[in-house]
Amino acid sequence: MTDIWFKTGEATVLAKDGQATDAMPEVLIGSVRGPAGQAFASMMGQSAGHTRMFVVRDLNQQVRPATMMTCKVTIPSAAYVELLGGVVQGAMGDAIVDCLSEGILPKDQADELCMIIMVWLDPRCPEDPNLDRADLYRTNYEATKLAISRAMTGKPTADELIANRKSVKHYALDGVVEY
């Protein structure tokens, strides 16, 4: 068994046209005995506007490795919490279990690891009468699985980042900064 001490990953999966269901999870994976475990334990209390909850697939179905999800932004409403603790949480839970079944996460270490996933849910989602919950599920499932896979494989590598330094730029910098 290899000690997994501190691995990080992130991913973005874009919504289908007309939806604000982009998913952008950031994940920390590590031993319950290390810094990830310490961070996990320190998140057991609540912080105003930043609800923290275990990832569960459904009632009485907490995932392994134990995973804490928290929102990257202040939660504006109960409707937001409902989506976060419903569709988004379910999608993330399914992705985690699939990562175990596919060997992306080591099943033999499921009780020795913990994860923290920071989640972003567009504030427009709860107010959108045409919200496509299936797309919200899809983007969060795919992005969670990809973020975990990247964490476990160390992607992108330092060499990949150096190689694409001049060809990849942050989308928000388009036209702002010349490379």
N, C-alpha and C. Protein backbone atom coordinates (compact mmCIF):
# COMPACT_ATOMS: atom_id res chain seq x y z
N MET A 1 0.86 -1.17 0.00
CA MET A 1 0.00 0.00 0.00
C MET A 1 0.90 1.23 0.00
N THR A 2 0.64 2.15 -0.92
CA THR A 2 1.38 3.39 -1.03
C THR A 2 0.66 4.49 -0.25
N ASP A 3 1.45 5.24 0.53
CA ASP A 3 0.84 6.37 1.23
C ASP A 3 0.50 7.47 0.24
N ILE A 4 -0.73 7.88 0.25
CA ILE A 4 -1.16 9.02 -0.56
C ILE A 4 -1.28 10.16 0.43
N TRP A 5 -0.35 11.08 0.37
CA TRP A 5 -0.24 12.10 1.40
C TRP A 5 -1.03 13.36 1.06
N PHE A 6 -0.83 13.89 -0.14
CA PHE A 6 -1.44 15.18 -0.48
C PHE A 6 -1.46 15.32 -1.99
N LYS A 7 -2.59 15.06 -2.60
CA LYS A 7 -2.74 15.17 -4.06
C LYS A 7 -3.88 16.13 -4.36
N THR A 8 -3.68 16.92 -5.39
CA THR A 8 -4.71 17.89 -5.77
C THR A 8 -5.05 17.75 -7.25
N GLY A 9 -6.27 18.11 -7.58
CA GLY A 9 -6.71 18.09 -8.97
C GLY A 9 -7.89 19.03 -9.14
N GLU A 10 -8.09 19.42 -10.38
CA GLU A 10 -9.24 20.26 -10.71
C GLU A 10 -9.68 19.94 -12.11
N ALA A 11 -10.88 20.34 -12.44
CA ALA A 11 -11.40 20.13 -13.78
C ALA A 11 -12.54 21.11 -14.02
N THR A 12 -12.75 21.42 -15.27
CA THR A 12 -13.91 22.21 -15.68
C THR A 12 -14.61 21.46 -16.79
N VAL A 13 -15.91 21.27 -16.63
CA VAL A 13 -16.75 20.70 -17.67
C VAL A 13 -17.84 21.72 -17.94
N LEU A 14 -17.96 22.10 -19.19
CA LEU A 14 -18.89 23.16 -19.57
C LEU A 14 -20.31 22.65 -19.79
N ALA A 15 -21.25 23.51 -19.51
CA ALA A 15 -22.67 23.24 -19.67
C ALA A 15 -23.05 23.18 -21.14
N LYS A 16 -24.19 22.57 -21.40
CA LYS A 16 -24.72 22.64 -22.75
C LYS A 16 -25.24 24.05 -22.99
N ASP A 17 -25.45 24.40 -24.24
CA ASP A 17 -25.90 25.75 -24.58
C ASP A 17 -27.16 26.12 -23.81
N GLY A 18 -27.18 27.36 -23.33
CA GLY A 18 -28.35 27.89 -22.66
C GLY A 18 -28.45 27.54 -21.18
N GLN A 19 -27.46 26.86 -20.65
CA GLN A 19 -27.48 26.46 -19.24
C GLN A 19 -26.32 27.11 -18.50
N ALA A 20 -26.49 27.29 -17.21
CA ALA A 20 -25.43 27.83 -16.34
C ALA A 20 -24.94 26.72 -15.42
N THR A 21 -24.76 25.55 -15.99
CA THR A 21 -24.46 24.36 -15.19
C THR A 21 -23.00 23.93 -15.27
N ASP A 22 -22.10 24.85 -15.64
CA ASP A 22 -20.68 24.52 -15.65
C ASP A 22 -20.27 23.96 -14.30
N ALA A 23 -19.36 23.01 -14.30
CA ALA A 23 -18.85 22.43 -13.06
C ALA A 23 -17.34 22.64 -13.00
N MET A 24 -16.85 23.04 -11.83
CA MET A 24 -15.43 23.35 -11.66
C MET A 24 -14.93 22.89 -10.29
N PRO A 25 -14.98 21.59 -9.99
CA PRO A 25 -14.53 21.14 -8.68
C PRO A 25 -13.01 21.18 -8.54
N GLU A 26 -12.58 21.42 -7.32
CA GLU A 26 -11.17 21.34 -6.95
C GLU A 26 -11.10 20.33 -5.82
N VAL A 27 -10.19 19.37 -5.92
CA VAL A 27 -10.17 18.26 -4.98
C VAL A 27 -8.81 18.13 -4.30
N LEU A 28 -8.85 17.79 -3.03
CA LEU A 28 -7.68 17.43 -2.24
C LEU A 28 -7.89 16.00 -1.77
N ILE A 29 -6.91 15.14 -2.02
CA ILE A 29 -6.98 13.74 -1.61
C ILE A 29 -5.75 13.44 -0.78
N GLY A 30 -5.95 12.77 0.35
CA GLY A 30 -4.80 12.39 1.15
C GLY A 30 -5.17 11.47 2.29
N SER A 31 -4.15 11.03 2.99
CA SER A 31 -4.30 10.14 4.14
C SER A 31 -5.05 10.84 5.26
N VAL A 32 -5.88 10.08 5.96
CA VAL A 32 -6.57 10.63 7.12
C VAL A 32 -5.57 10.98 8.22
N ARG A 33 -4.35 10.43 8.15
CA ARG A 33 -3.31 10.68 9.14
C ARG A 33 -2.42 11.87 8.79
N GLY A 34 -2.64 12.50 7.65
CA GLY A 34 -1.77 13.58 7.19
C GLY A 34 -2.47 14.92 7.15
N PRO A 35 -1.89 15.87 6.39
CA PRO A 35 -2.47 17.22 6.33
C PRO A 35 -3.87 17.25 5.73
N ALA A 36 -4.16 16.36 4.79
CA ALA A 36 -5.52 16.32 4.23
C ALA A 36 -6.52 15.89 5.31
N GLY A 37 -6.13 14.92 6.11
CA GLY A 37 -6.99 14.47 7.20
C GLY A 37 -7.20 15.55 8.25
N GLN A 38 -6.14 16.31 8.53
CA GLN A 38 -6.27 17.42 9.48
C GLN A 38 -7.22 18.48 8.94
N ALA A 39 -7.06 18.82 7.65
CA ALA A 39 -7.96 19.80 7.04
C ALA A 39 -9.40 19.29 7.05
N PHE A 40 -9.58 18.01 6.74
CA PHE A 40 -10.90 17.40 6.73
C PHE A 40 -11.56 17.52 8.11
N ALA A 41 -10.82 17.13 9.14
CA ALA A 41 -11.37 17.17 10.50
C ALA A 41 -11.69 18.59 10.93
N SER A 42 -10.89 19.55 10.51
CA SER A 42 -11.14 20.94 10.92
C SER A 42 -12.36 21.53 10.22
N MET A 43 -12.84 20.87 9.18
CA MET A 43 -14.03 21.35 8.46
C MET A 43 -15.33 20.80 9.03
N MET A 44 -15.26 20.05 10.09
CA MET A 44 -16.47 19.41 10.63
C MET A 44 -17.51 20.41 11.13
N GLY A 45 -17.10 21.61 11.51
CA GLY A 45 -18.07 22.63 11.92
C GLY A 45 -18.56 23.39 10.70
N GLN A 46 -19.55 24.21 10.89
CA GLN A 46 -20.10 25.00 9.80
C GLN A 46 -19.55 26.42 9.84
N SER A 47 -19.53 27.03 8.69
CA SER A 47 -19.11 28.41 8.54
C SER A 47 -20.24 29.15 7.82
N ALA A 48 -20.68 30.26 8.36
CA ALA A 48 -21.83 30.97 7.79
C ALA A 48 -21.66 31.20 6.30
N GLY A 49 -22.64 30.74 5.53
CA GLY A 49 -22.64 30.95 4.10
C GLY A 49 -21.85 29.92 3.31
N HIS A 50 -21.13 29.03 4.00
CA HIS A 50 -20.31 28.03 3.31
C HIS A 50 -20.61 26.65 3.90
N THR A 51 -21.78 26.14 3.55
CA THR A 51 -22.22 24.86 4.07
C THR A 51 -21.22 23.77 3.70
N ARG A 52 -20.93 22.93 4.66
CA ARG A 52 -20.06 21.77 4.45
C ARG A 52 -20.88 20.53 4.72
N MET A 53 -20.70 19.53 3.89
CA MET A 53 -21.44 18.29 4.10
C MET A 53 -20.66 17.12 3.55
N PHE A 54 -20.89 15.95 4.14
CA PHE A 54 -20.33 14.73 3.58
C PHE A 54 -20.97 14.49 2.22
N VAL A 55 -20.22 13.89 1.32
CA VAL A 55 -20.79 13.49 0.04
C VAL A 55 -21.47 12.14 0.25
N VAL A 56 -22.74 12.13 -0.07
CA VAL A 56 -23.53 10.90 -0.03
C VAL A 56 -24.19 10.71 -1.39
N ARG A 57 -24.41 9.46 -1.74
CA ARG A 57 -25.08 9.17 -3.00
C ARG A 57 -26.59 9.24 -2.83
N ASP A 58 -27.05 8.92 -1.64
CA ASP A 58 -28.46 8.96 -1.29
C ASP A 58 -28.53 8.77 0.23
N LEU A 59 -29.69 8.71 0.77
CA LEU A 59 -29.83 8.47 2.20
C LEU A 59 -29.06 7.22 2.60
N ASN A 60 -28.28 7.33 3.66
CA ASN A 60 -27.52 6.20 4.21
C ASN A 60 -26.49 5.63 3.23
N GLN A 61 -25.99 6.44 2.33
CA GLN A 61 -25.02 5.98 1.32
C GLN A 61 -23.83 6.94 1.24
N GLN A 62 -23.17 7.18 2.39
CA GLN A 62 -21.97 8.03 2.39
C GLN A 62 -20.88 7.34 1.60
N VAL A 63 -20.20 8.09 0.77
CA VAL A 63 -19.16 7.51 -0.08
C VAL A 63 -17.89 7.26 0.71
N ARG A 64 -17.07 6.40 0.16
CA ARG A 64 -15.71 6.14 0.61
C ARG A 64 -14.81 6.39 -0.57
N PRO A 65 -13.68 7.01 -0.39
CA PRO A 65 -13.18 7.63 0.82
C PRO A 65 -14.14 8.71 1.32
N ALA A 66 -14.13 8.91 2.65
CA ALA A 66 -14.97 9.96 3.23
C ALA A 66 -14.63 11.27 2.52
N THR A 67 -15.66 11.96 2.06
CA THR A 67 -15.46 13.17 1.28
C THR A 67 -16.32 14.29 1.84
N MET A 68 -15.69 15.43 2.05
CA MET A 68 -16.38 16.63 2.50
C MET A 68 -16.48 17.57 1.30
N MET A 69 -17.67 18.08 1.06
CA MET A 69 -17.84 19.07 0.00
C MET A 69 -18.16 20.41 0.64
N THR A 70 -17.65 21.46 0.02
CA THR A 70 -17.92 22.81 0.50
C THR A 70 -18.01 23.73 -0.71
N CYS A 71 -18.75 24.78 -0.57
CA CYS A 71 -18.97 25.71 -1.67
C CYS A 71 -17.87 26.75 -1.72
N LYS A 72 -17.45 27.12 -2.92
CA LYS A 72 -16.40 28.12 -3.10
C LYS A 72 -16.90 29.54 -2.85
N VAL A 73 -18.19 29.74 -2.93
CA VAL A 73 -18.77 31.08 -2.77
C VAL A 73 -19.83 31.05 -1.67
N THR A 74 -20.21 32.20 -1.20
CA THR A 74 -21.26 32.29 -0.19
C THR A 74 -22.57 31.80 -0.77
N ILE A 75 -23.23 30.94 -0.05
CA ILE A 75 -24.49 30.36 -0.50
C ILE A 75 -25.61 31.38 -0.30
N PRO A 76 -26.31 31.73 -1.39
CA PRO A 76 -27.30 32.80 -1.30
C PRO A 76 -28.70 32.40 -0.86
N SER A 77 -29.06 31.11 -0.95
CA SER A 77 -30.46 30.76 -0.69
C SER A 77 -30.61 29.27 -0.37
N ALA A 78 -31.79 28.95 0.17
CA ALA A 78 -32.12 27.56 0.44
C ALA A 78 -32.24 26.77 -0.87
N ALA A 79 -32.70 27.42 -1.93
CA ALA A 79 -32.81 26.74 -3.23
C ALA A 79 -31.43 26.33 -3.75
N TYR A 80 -30.45 27.17 -3.48
CA TYR A 80 -29.07 26.88 -3.86
C TYR A 80 -28.58 25.66 -3.09
N VAL A 81 -28.85 25.64 -1.78
CA VAL A 81 -28.45 24.51 -0.94
C VAL A 81 -29.12 23.23 -1.42
N GLU A 82 -30.38 23.33 -1.83
CA GLU A 82 -31.10 22.15 -2.30
C GLU A 82 -30.43 21.55 -3.53
N LEU A 83 -30.01 22.38 -4.48
CA LEU A 83 -29.31 21.87 -5.66
C LEU A 83 -27.94 21.31 -5.29
N LEU A 84 -27.24 22.03 -4.43
CA LEU A 84 -25.91 21.61 -4.01
C LEU A 84 -25.97 20.28 -3.27
N GLY A 85 -26.91 20.15 -2.34
CA GLY A 85 -27.04 18.94 -1.55
C GLY A 85 -27.90 17.88 -2.21
N GLY A 86 -28.32 18.11 -3.42
CA GLY A 86 -29.14 17.15 -4.16
C GLY A 86 -28.43 16.68 -5.41
N VAL A 87 -28.69 17.35 -6.51
CA VAL A 87 -28.14 16.94 -7.81
C VAL A 87 -26.62 16.92 -7.79
N VAL A 88 -26.01 18.00 -7.31
CA VAL A 88 -24.55 18.11 -7.34
C VAL A 88 -23.92 17.04 -6.43
N GLN A 89 -24.43 16.91 -5.21
CA GLN A 89 -23.90 15.93 -4.28
C GLN A 89 -24.07 14.51 -4.82
N GLY A 90 -25.21 14.21 -5.40
CA GLY A 90 -25.44 12.89 -5.97
C GLY A 90 -24.50 12.59 -7.13
N ALA A 91 -24.28 13.58 -7.98
CA ALA A 91 -23.36 13.40 -9.12
C ALA A 91 -21.95 13.14 -8.63
N MET A 92 -21.52 13.92 -7.64
CA MET A 92 -20.18 13.74 -7.10
C MET A 92 -20.05 12.38 -6.43
N GLY A 93 -21.06 11.98 -5.69
CA GLY A 93 -21.03 10.67 -5.04
C GLY A 93 -20.92 9.54 -6.04
N ASP A 94 -21.69 9.60 -7.11
CA ASP A 94 -21.62 8.57 -8.14
C ASP A 94 -20.24 8.54 -8.79
N ALA A 95 -19.67 9.72 -9.04
CA ALA A 95 -18.34 9.80 -9.65
C ALA A 95 -17.28 9.17 -8.74
N ILE A 96 -17.38 9.43 -7.44
CA ILE A 96 -16.41 8.87 -6.49
C ILE A 96 -16.51 7.35 -6.47
N VAL A 97 -17.71 6.81 -6.40
CA VAL A 97 -17.88 5.36 -6.39
C VAL A 97 -17.37 4.76 -7.70
N ASP A 98 -17.63 5.42 -8.82
CA ASP A 98 -17.11 4.92 -10.10
C ASP A 98 -15.58 4.98 -10.14
N CYS A 99 -14.99 6.00 -9.52
CA CYS A 99 -13.52 6.07 -9.44
C CYS A 99 -12.98 4.88 -8.65
N LEU A 100 -13.67 4.47 -7.61
CA LEU A 100 -13.27 3.27 -6.85
C LEU A 100 -13.39 2.02 -7.72
N SER A 101 -14.53 1.88 -8.39
CA SER A 101 -14.78 0.65 -9.15
C SER A 101 -13.86 0.55 -10.37
N GLU A 102 -13.39 1.69 -10.89
CA GLU A 102 -12.52 1.68 -12.07
C GLU A 102 -11.03 1.71 -11.71
N GLY A 103 -10.71 1.73 -10.42
CA GLY A 103 -9.32 1.72 -10.00
C GLY A 103 -8.62 3.07 -10.03
N ILE A 104 -9.36 4.14 -10.27
CA ILE A 104 -8.77 5.48 -10.24
C ILE A 104 -8.40 5.82 -8.81
N LEU A 105 -9.27 5.47 -7.87
CA LEU A 105 -8.98 5.54 -6.44
C LEU A 105 -8.75 4.11 -5.96
N PRO A 106 -7.74 3.90 -5.11
CA PRO A 106 -7.45 2.54 -4.64
C PRO A 106 -8.49 2.05 -3.64
N LYS A 107 -9.23 1.02 -4.02
CA LYS A 107 -10.30 0.49 -3.17
C LYS A 107 -9.76 0.00 -1.83
N ASP A 108 -8.54 -0.55 -1.82
CA ASP A 108 -7.97 -1.07 -0.58
C ASP A 108 -7.58 0.03 0.40
N GLN A 109 -7.64 1.30 -0.05
CA GLN A 109 -7.33 2.42 0.83
C GLN A 109 -8.55 3.31 1.08
N ALA A 110 -9.72 2.82 0.73
CA ALA A 110 -10.93 3.65 0.81
C ALA A 110 -11.19 4.19 2.21
N ASP A 111 -10.77 3.45 3.25
CA ASP A 111 -10.99 3.93 4.61
C ASP A 111 -9.77 4.65 5.19
N GLU A 112 -8.68 4.69 4.44
CA GLU A 112 -7.46 5.37 4.88
C GLU A 112 -7.31 6.75 4.25
N LEU A 113 -8.13 7.03 3.26
CA LEU A 113 -8.06 8.31 2.56
C LEU A 113 -9.27 9.17 2.90
N CYS A 114 -9.11 10.45 2.65
CA CYS A 114 -10.24 11.38 2.72
C CYS A 114 -10.07 12.38 1.59
N MET A 115 -11.17 13.02 1.25
CA MET A 115 -11.13 14.02 0.18
C MET A 115 -11.93 15.25 0.62
N ILE A 116 -11.47 16.37 0.13
CA ILE A 116 -12.22 17.62 0.25
C ILE A 116 -12.45 18.10 -1.17
N ILE A 117 -13.69 18.40 -1.49
CA ILE A 117 -14.00 18.91 -2.82
C ILE A 117 -14.67 20.27 -2.67
N MET A 118 -14.05 21.27 -3.29
CA MET A 118 -14.63 22.60 -3.32
C MET A 118 -15.47 22.69 -4.59
N VAL A 119 -16.69 23.14 -4.42
CA VAL A 119 -17.68 23.12 -5.49
C VAL A 119 -18.11 24.54 -5.83
N TRP A 120 -18.35 24.78 -7.10
CA TRP A 120 -18.93 26.04 -7.54
C TRP A 120 -20.22 25.73 -8.27
N LEU A 121 -21.28 26.40 -7.86
CA LEU A 121 -22.58 26.28 -8.51
C LEU A 121 -23.00 27.69 -8.88
N ASP A 122 -23.25 27.91 -10.13
CA ASP A 122 -23.63 29.24 -10.61
C ASP A 122 -24.88 29.71 -9.87
N PRO A 123 -24.84 30.90 -9.29
CA PRO A 123 -25.99 31.42 -8.53
C PRO A 123 -27.27 31.55 -9.36
N ARG A 124 -27.15 31.53 -10.68
CA ARG A 124 -28.34 31.61 -11.53
C ARG A 124 -29.14 30.31 -11.54
N CYS A 125 -28.50 29.19 -11.21
CA CYS A 125 -29.17 27.88 -11.31
C CYS A 125 -30.48 27.80 -10.53
N PRO A 126 -30.50 28.16 -9.25
CA PRO A 126 -31.76 28.00 -8.50
C PRO A 126 -32.89 28.87 -9.02
N GLU A 127 -32.57 29.96 -9.69
CA GLU A 127 -33.58 30.90 -10.17
C GLU A 127 -34.04 30.58 -11.59
N ASP A 128 -33.37 29.65 -12.26
CA ASP A 128 -33.66 29.35 -13.66
C ASP A 128 -34.83 28.36 -13.76
N PRO A 129 -35.99 28.80 -14.26
CA PRO A 129 -37.14 27.89 -14.36
C PRO A 129 -36.90 26.79 -15.40
N ASN A 130 -35.92 26.99 -16.28
CA ASN A 130 -35.61 25.99 -17.31
C ASN A 130 -34.32 25.23 -17.01
N LEU A 131 -33.92 25.21 -15.74
CA LEU A 131 -32.70 24.52 -15.36
C LEU A 131 -32.77 23.05 -15.78
N ASP A 132 -31.75 22.60 -16.47
CA ASP A 132 -31.65 21.20 -16.88
C ASP A 132 -30.86 20.45 -15.82
N ARG A 133 -31.58 19.81 -14.92
CA ARG A 133 -30.93 19.09 -13.81
C ARG A 133 -30.07 17.93 -14.32
N ALA A 134 -30.45 17.35 -15.44
CA ALA A 134 -29.63 16.27 -16.03
C ALA A 134 -28.28 16.82 -16.47
N ASP A 135 -28.27 18.04 -17.02
CA ASP A 135 -26.99 18.63 -17.41
C ASP A 135 -26.17 19.03 -16.18
N LEU A 136 -26.84 19.50 -15.14
CA LEU A 136 -26.14 19.81 -13.89
C LEU A 136 -25.50 18.55 -13.33
N TYR A 137 -26.20 17.44 -13.37
CA TYR A 137 -25.64 16.15 -12.94
C TYR A 137 -24.44 15.79 -13.82
N ARG A 138 -24.63 15.84 -15.14
CA ARG A 138 -23.58 15.44 -16.08
C ARG A 138 -22.30 16.22 -15.86
N THR A 139 -22.41 17.54 -15.78
CA THR A 139 -21.18 18.34 -15.67
C THR A 139 -20.47 18.06 -14.34
N ASN A 140 -21.22 17.92 -13.26
CA ASN A 140 -20.58 17.67 -11.97
C ASN A 140 -20.03 16.25 -11.87
N TYR A 141 -20.71 15.28 -12.45
CA TYR A 141 -20.19 13.91 -12.48
C TYR A 141 -18.87 13.87 -13.26
N GLU A 142 -18.90 14.38 -14.48
CA GLU A 142 -17.70 14.32 -15.33
C GLU A 142 -16.54 15.10 -14.73
N ALA A 143 -16.82 16.29 -14.22
CA ALA A 143 -15.75 17.13 -13.68
C ALA A 143 -15.16 16.53 -12.40
N THR A 144 -16.00 15.96 -11.55
CA THR A 144 -15.49 15.33 -10.33
C THR A 144 -14.60 14.15 -10.66
N LYS A 145 -15.04 13.32 -11.57
CA LYS A 145 -14.25 12.15 -11.96
C LYS A 145 -12.92 12.58 -12.59
N LEU A 146 -12.96 13.60 -13.41
CA LEU A 146 -11.75 14.09 -14.06
C LEU A 146 -10.80 14.74 -13.06
N ALA A 147 -11.32 15.51 -12.11
CA ALA A 147 -10.48 16.14 -11.09
C ALA A 147 -9.80 15.09 -10.23
N ILE A 148 -10.52 14.04 -9.85
CA ILE A 148 -9.93 12.97 -9.05
C ILE A 148 -8.85 12.25 -9.85
N SER A 149 -9.14 11.95 -11.10
CA SER A 149 -8.16 11.28 -11.96
C SER A 149 -6.90 12.13 -12.12
N ARG A 150 -7.07 13.42 -12.32
CA ARG A 150 -5.90 14.30 -12.44
C ARG A 150 -5.11 14.36 -11.14
N ALA A 151 -5.80 14.38 -10.02
CA ALA A 151 -5.10 14.37 -8.73
C ALA A 151 -4.27 13.10 -8.58
N MET A 152 -4.86 11.99 -8.91
CA MET A 152 -4.19 10.70 -8.69
C MET A 152 -3.06 10.45 -9.69
N THR A 153 -3.07 11.13 -10.82
CA THR A 153 -2.02 10.93 -11.83
C THR A 153 -1.07 12.12 -11.93
N GLY A 154 -1.31 13.15 -11.12
CA GLY A 154 -0.42 14.31 -11.13
C GLY A 154 -0.49 15.11 -12.42
N LYS A 155 -1.67 15.23 -12.98
CA LYS A 155 -1.87 15.97 -14.23
C LYS A 155 -2.45 17.36 -13.98
N PRO A 156 -2.06 18.34 -14.69
CA PRO A 156 -0.96 18.31 -15.65
C PRO A 156 0.38 18.28 -14.94
N THR A 157 1.36 17.64 -15.58
CA THR A 157 2.70 17.57 -15.00
C THR A 157 3.41 18.91 -15.15
N ALA A 158 4.49 19.08 -14.42
CA ALA A 158 5.28 20.31 -14.55
C ALA A 158 5.78 20.47 -15.98
N ASP A 159 6.20 19.37 -16.61
CA ASP A 159 6.68 19.45 -17.99
C ASP A 159 5.56 19.88 -18.95
N GLU A 160 4.34 19.37 -18.74
CA GLU A 160 3.22 19.78 -19.59
C GLU A 160 2.91 21.26 -19.41
N LEU A 161 2.96 21.74 -18.19
CA LEU A 161 2.69 23.16 -17.93
C LEU A 161 3.75 24.05 -18.58
N ILE A 162 4.99 23.63 -18.48
CA ILE A 162 6.08 24.41 -19.10
C ILE A 162 5.94 24.39 -20.61
N ALA A 163 5.62 23.22 -21.18
CA ALA A 163 5.50 23.10 -22.63
C ALA A 163 4.36 23.95 -23.20
N ASN A 164 3.26 24.11 -22.45
CA ASN A 164 2.13 24.87 -23.00
C ASN A 164 2.04 26.29 -22.43
N ARG A 165 3.07 26.73 -21.76
CA ARG A 165 3.06 28.06 -21.12
C ARG A 165 2.67 29.18 -22.08
N LYS A 166 3.13 29.15 -23.29
CA LYS A 166 2.85 30.23 -24.26
C LYS A 166 1.61 29.97 -25.11
N SER A 167 1.10 28.77 -25.09
CA SER A 167 -0.05 28.47 -25.95
C SER A 167 -1.37 28.42 -25.19
N VAL A 168 -1.33 28.31 -23.88
CA VAL A 168 -2.55 28.26 -23.07
C VAL A 168 -2.58 29.49 -22.18
N LYS A 169 -3.73 30.15 -22.16
CA LYS A 169 -3.88 31.29 -21.26
C LYS A 169 -5.26 31.22 -20.62
N HIS A 170 -5.40 31.84 -19.48
CA HIS A 170 -6.66 31.86 -18.76
C HIS A 170 -7.70 32.58 -19.62
N TYR A 171 -8.90 32.01 -19.70
CA TYR A 171 -9.95 32.56 -20.56
C TYR A 171 -10.26 34.02 -20.20
N ALA A 172 -10.15 34.39 -18.95
CA ALA A 172 -10.50 35.76 -18.53
C ALA A 172 -9.44 36.77 -18.96
N LEU A 173 -8.30 36.30 -19.43
CA LEU A 173 -7.24 37.21 -19.85
C LEU A 173 -7.24 37.49 -21.35
N ASP A 174 -8.19 36.92 -22.07
CA ASP A 174 -8.27 37.11 -23.51
C ASP A 174 -8.37 38.60 -23.83
N GLY A 175 -7.41 39.12 -24.53
CA GLY A 175 -7.39 40.52 -24.93
C GLY A 175 -6.87 41.45 -23.83
N VAL A 176 -6.60 40.93 -22.64
CA VAL A 176 -6.13 41.76 -21.54
C VAL A 176 -4.61 41.77 -21.47
N VAL A 177 -4.04 40.58 -21.66
CA VAL A 177 -2.60 40.43 -21.53
C VAL A 177 -2.07 39.79 -22.81
N GLU A 178 -1.03 40.37 -23.35
CA GLU A 178 -0.36 39.80 -24.51
C GLU A 178 0.72 38.85 -24.05
N TYR A 179 0.83 37.72 -24.70
CA TYR A 179 1.86 36.74 -24.34
C TYR A 179 3.00 36.93 -25.26
